[in-house]
Amino acid sequence: MRTLVLCALIASTVCFVPSVSAQVGVAAGLNFENLGDIQATSRRATFDNSTGYHIGIYFDLGGGKVSLRPGLFYRDAGDVVLSEGLQESVFDLSTIEVPLDVRVKLVPSSVVSPYVLGGPVVAFASSSDDGFNDAVRNLLLSANAGIGIDLAMGSIVLSPELRFAFSVNRWLEENRTIRVGGATISSDEVSRQSAVMLRLGLSF
């Protein structure tokens, strides 16, 4: 089902972009993840902060001061370490993300143009660990906001960005059992996922 949804999103994007004024870009960067702790009755499990990466494609639609920027990204959260007391487990976590940013240029210029952007993100999460994958919510809703600057170099535009992303819904399903070392813990209360991202885009 997830594959069908992604194929539909990619197909609709490819069909839509040629009909409007658009710049195509590729982007990659680092994400510094902060995953909320698990509180289960009198027990508490802690996720360590992790560093991962993301890579994808985006489209700048419209050439005015305000424009839309849909995209499609793969995001790897790195090694997710969950610990409770002396027990510890390491998981992987990745998402396919579909952001829809609104971008506003602060000082429109043909050479150097700072901007702010933000918008919703729909993400499809998964893990190669079957137990952890069962606990992770498949469909995640989040929002992101950031600042950046366009640096025009002939027909190519470099766009370094600083972004902050935070989840709207909880990223783990409620009352799912997760193995921590030789013990297990059930998630009753989970805080939201957030991340700081450094990204470099290249559009043409």
Protein backbone atom coordinates (compact mmCIF):
# COMPACT_ATOMS: atom_id res chain seq x y z
CA MET A 1 0.00 0.00 0.00
CA ARG A 2 2.84 2.38 0.91
CA THR A 3 4.53 1.68 -2.45
CA LEU A 4 1.33 2.49 -4.35
CA VAL A 5 0.94 5.79 -2.48
CA LEU A 6 4.55 6.79 -3.21
CA CYS A 7 4.21 5.88 -6.90
CA ALA A 8 1.05 8.00 -7.13
CA LEU A 9 2.78 10.96 -5.47
CA ILE A 10 5.80 10.73 -7.78
CA ALA A 11 3.63 10.38 -10.89
CA SER A 12 1.41 13.32 -9.98
CA THR A 13 4.44 15.50 -9.26
CA VAL A 14 6.15 14.64 -12.54
CA CYS A 15 2.95 15.32 -14.49
CA PHE A 16 2.25 18.60 -12.70
CA VAL A 17 5.66 20.25 -12.78
CA PRO A 18 6.05 20.71 -16.58
CA SER A 19 2.78 22.67 -16.69
CA VAL A 20 4.06 25.49 -14.48
CA SER A 21 7.13 27.68 -14.22
CA ALA A 22 9.50 25.57 -12.15
CA GLN A 23 13.09 25.01 -11.14
CA VAL A 24 14.21 21.46 -10.40
CA GLY A 25 16.63 20.91 -7.55
CA VAL A 26 18.44 18.18 -5.66
CA ALA A 27 19.38 18.50 -2.00
CA ALA A 28 21.19 16.60 0.73
CA GLY A 29 22.29 17.22 4.28
CA LEU A 30 22.54 16.13 7.89
CA ASN A 31 19.73 15.74 10.43
CA PHE A 32 20.27 15.84 14.18
CA GLU A 33 17.42 13.82 15.68
CA ASN A 34 15.77 14.19 19.07
CA LEU A 35 13.37 11.32 19.79
CA GLY A 36 11.04 11.54 22.77
CA ASP A 37 11.43 9.23 25.76
CA ILE A 38 9.03 6.37 26.50
CA GLN A 39 7.17 6.63 29.80
CA ALA A 40 5.52 3.38 30.85
CA THR A 41 3.93 3.50 34.31
CA SER A 42 6.94 3.57 36.67
CA ARG A 43 9.50 2.74 33.99
CA ARG A 44 11.19 5.11 31.59
CA ALA A 45 13.22 4.34 28.46
CA THR A 46 15.38 6.98 26.83
CA PHE A 47 16.28 7.49 23.18
CA ASP A 48 19.73 8.97 22.66
CA ASN A 49 20.06 11.81 20.18
CA SER A 50 21.24 10.56 16.79
CA THR A 51 22.75 11.98 13.62
CA GLY A 52 21.57 10.90 10.19
CA TYR A 53 21.29 12.18 6.65
CA HIS A 54 18.68 13.02 4.04
CA ILE A 55 18.68 13.30 0.25
CA GLY A 56 16.00 14.10 -2.30
CA ILE A 57 14.54 16.22 -5.05
CA TYR A 58 12.42 19.38 -4.95
CA PHE A 59 10.65 21.78 -7.30
CA ASP A 60 10.40 25.56 -6.95
CA LEU A 61 7.03 26.45 -8.48
CA GLY A 62 6.61 30.10 -9.42
CA GLY A 63 9.26 32.75 -9.80
CA GLY A 64 7.82 35.53 -7.63
CA LYS A 65 8.42 36.57 -4.06
CA VAL A 66 6.18 33.75 -2.78
CA SER A 67 6.47 30.26 -4.25
CA LEU A 68 5.66 26.63 -3.50
CA ARG A 69 8.30 23.97 -3.03
CA PRO A 70 7.05 20.36 -3.06
CA GLY A 71 9.63 17.61 -2.72
CA LEU A 72 10.38 13.95 -2.19
CA PHE A 73 13.12 12.96 0.30
CA TYR A 74 14.68 9.89 1.87
CA ARG A 75 15.69 10.48 5.51
CA ASP A 76 17.82 8.16 7.64
CA ALA A 77 17.76 8.87 11.38
CA GLY A 78 21.04 7.02 11.99
CA ASP A 79 21.49 4.56 14.86
CA VAL A 80 18.57 4.92 17.26
CA VAL A 81 19.75 3.85 20.72
CA LEU A 82 17.06 3.03 23.29
CA SER A 83 18.19 2.46 26.88
CA GLU A 84 16.50 1.65 30.18
CA GLY A 85 18.81 1.32 33.17
CA LEU A 86 21.65 -0.97 32.08
CA GLN A 87 19.66 -2.39 29.16
CA GLU A 88 20.25 -1.04 25.66
CA SER A 89 19.12 -1.74 22.09
CA VAL A 90 20.06 -0.17 18.77
CA PHE A 91 17.56 0.24 15.92
CA ASP A 92 17.49 1.84 12.51
CA LEU A 93 14.75 4.25 11.44
CA SER A 94 14.13 5.74 8.01
CA THR A 95 11.34 7.71 6.35
CA ILE A 96 10.16 8.65 2.89
CA GLU A 97 9.02 12.27 3.19
CA VAL A 98 6.80 14.45 1.04
CA PRO A 99 7.14 18.11 2.13
CA LEU A 100 5.11 21.02 0.77
CA ASP A 101 6.89 24.24 1.68
CA VAL A 102 5.82 27.82 1.13
CA ARG A 103 8.91 29.90 0.38
CA VAL A 104 9.06 33.68 0.83
CA LYS A 105 12.01 35.67 -0.48
CA LEU A 106 13.00 38.42 1.96
CA VAL A 107 15.19 40.41 -0.43
CA PRO A 108 14.51 39.42 -4.05
CA SER A 109 17.76 39.59 -5.99
CA SER A 110 19.26 38.00 -9.07
CA VAL A 111 22.48 37.07 -7.22
CA VAL A 112 21.95 36.73 -3.44
CA SER A 113 18.44 36.21 -2.09
CA PRO A 114 17.68 35.21 1.54
CA TYR A 115 14.35 33.52 2.25
CA VAL A 116 12.22 31.81 4.88
CA LEU A 117 10.14 28.72 4.31
CA GLY A 118 7.88 26.29 6.07
CA GLY A 119 5.02 23.88 5.66
CA PRO A 120 3.60 20.41 6.35
CA VAL A 121 5.38 17.11 5.78
CA VAL A 122 3.83 13.68 5.26
CA ALA A 123 6.24 10.83 6.02
CA PHE A 124 6.16 7.04 5.73
CA ALA A 125 8.38 5.45 8.41
CA SER A 126 9.95 2.00 8.64
CA SER A 127 12.67 -0.02 10.38
CA SER A 128 14.44 -3.25 9.43
CA ASP A 129 13.86 -4.51 12.99
CA ASP A 130 10.48 -6.27 12.91
CA GLY A 131 9.57 -5.53 16.52
CA PHE A 132 10.57 -1.88 16.35
CA ASN A 133 8.92 -1.51 12.93
CA ASP A 134 5.66 -2.79 14.42
CA ALA A 135 5.86 -0.10 17.13
CA VAL A 136 6.66 2.77 14.76
CA ARG A 137 3.66 4.64 13.38
CA ASN A 138 3.70 4.13 9.60
CA LEU A 139 2.21 7.51 8.69
CA LEU A 140 3.79 10.52 10.37
CA LEU A 141 2.60 14.12 10.14
CA SER A 142 5.06 16.88 10.88
CA ALA A 143 5.86 20.50 10.15
CA ASN A 144 9.10 22.24 9.32
CA ALA A 145 10.37 25.80 9.19
CA GLY A 146 13.69 27.23 8.15
CA ILE A 147 15.84 29.93 6.64
CA GLY A 148 18.04 29.83 3.58
CA ILE A 149 19.78 31.85 0.94
CA ASP A 150 19.91 31.52 -2.85
CA LEU A 151 23.36 32.03 -4.34
CA ALA A 152 23.11 32.37 -8.13
CA MET A 153 26.10 31.05 -10.07
CA GLY A 154 25.17 31.41 -13.71
CA SER A 155 22.42 28.92 -14.52
CA ILE A 156 22.93 27.09 -11.21
CA VAL A 157 21.60 28.19 -7.80
CA LEU A 158 23.13 26.97 -4.53
CA SER A 159 20.77 27.07 -1.54
CA PRO A 160 22.22 26.37 1.94
CA GLU A 161 19.45 26.02 4.56
CA LEU A 162 18.94 25.61 8.29
CA ARG A 163 15.69 23.80 9.16
CA PHE A 164 13.78 22.75 12.26
CA ALA A 165 11.29 19.87 11.98
CA PHE A 166 8.85 18.64 14.60
CA SER A 167 6.18 15.93 14.54
CA VAL A 168 2.50 16.72 14.94
CA ASN A 169 1.39 13.22 15.92
CA ARG A 170 3.23 10.71 18.14
CA TRP A 171 5.79 8.68 16.23
CA LEU A 172 5.28 5.41 18.14
CA GLU A 173 2.02 3.51 18.32
CA GLU A 174 0.40 3.40 21.76
CA ASN A 175 0.86 0.33 23.98
CA ARG A 176 3.30 -1.47 21.68
CA THR A 177 6.02 -3.65 23.21
CA ILE A 178 9.64 -2.77 22.40
CA ARG A 179 12.60 -4.93 23.37
CA VAL A 180 15.36 -3.11 25.27
CA GLY A 181 18.31 -5.45 25.71
CA GLY A 182 16.91 -8.52 27.46
CA ALA A 183 13.83 -6.68 28.75
CA THR A 184 10.69 -5.27 27.15
CA ILE A 185 8.83 -2.03 27.67
CA SER A 186 5.37 -0.93 26.55
CA SER A 187 4.93 2.61 25.27
CA ASP A 188 2.22 4.49 27.19
CA GLU A 189 3.34 8.06 26.67
CA VAL A 190 5.74 9.19 23.97
CA SER A 191 6.78 12.76 23.30
CA ARG A 192 7.19 14.08 19.78
CA GLN A 193 10.10 13.66 17.40
CA SER A 194 12.09 16.73 16.37
CA ALA A 195 15.21 17.45 14.34
CA VAL A 196 17.56 20.21 13.31
CA MET A 197 18.65 19.92 9.68
CA LEU A 198 21.51 21.37 7.67
CA ARG A 199 20.78 21.14 3.95
CA LEU A 200 22.45 22.19 0.72
CA GLY A 201 20.28 22.44 -2.39
CA LEU A 202 21.35 22.72 -6.02
CA SER A 203 18.74 23.90 -8.52
CA PHE A 204 18.97 24.53 -12.25
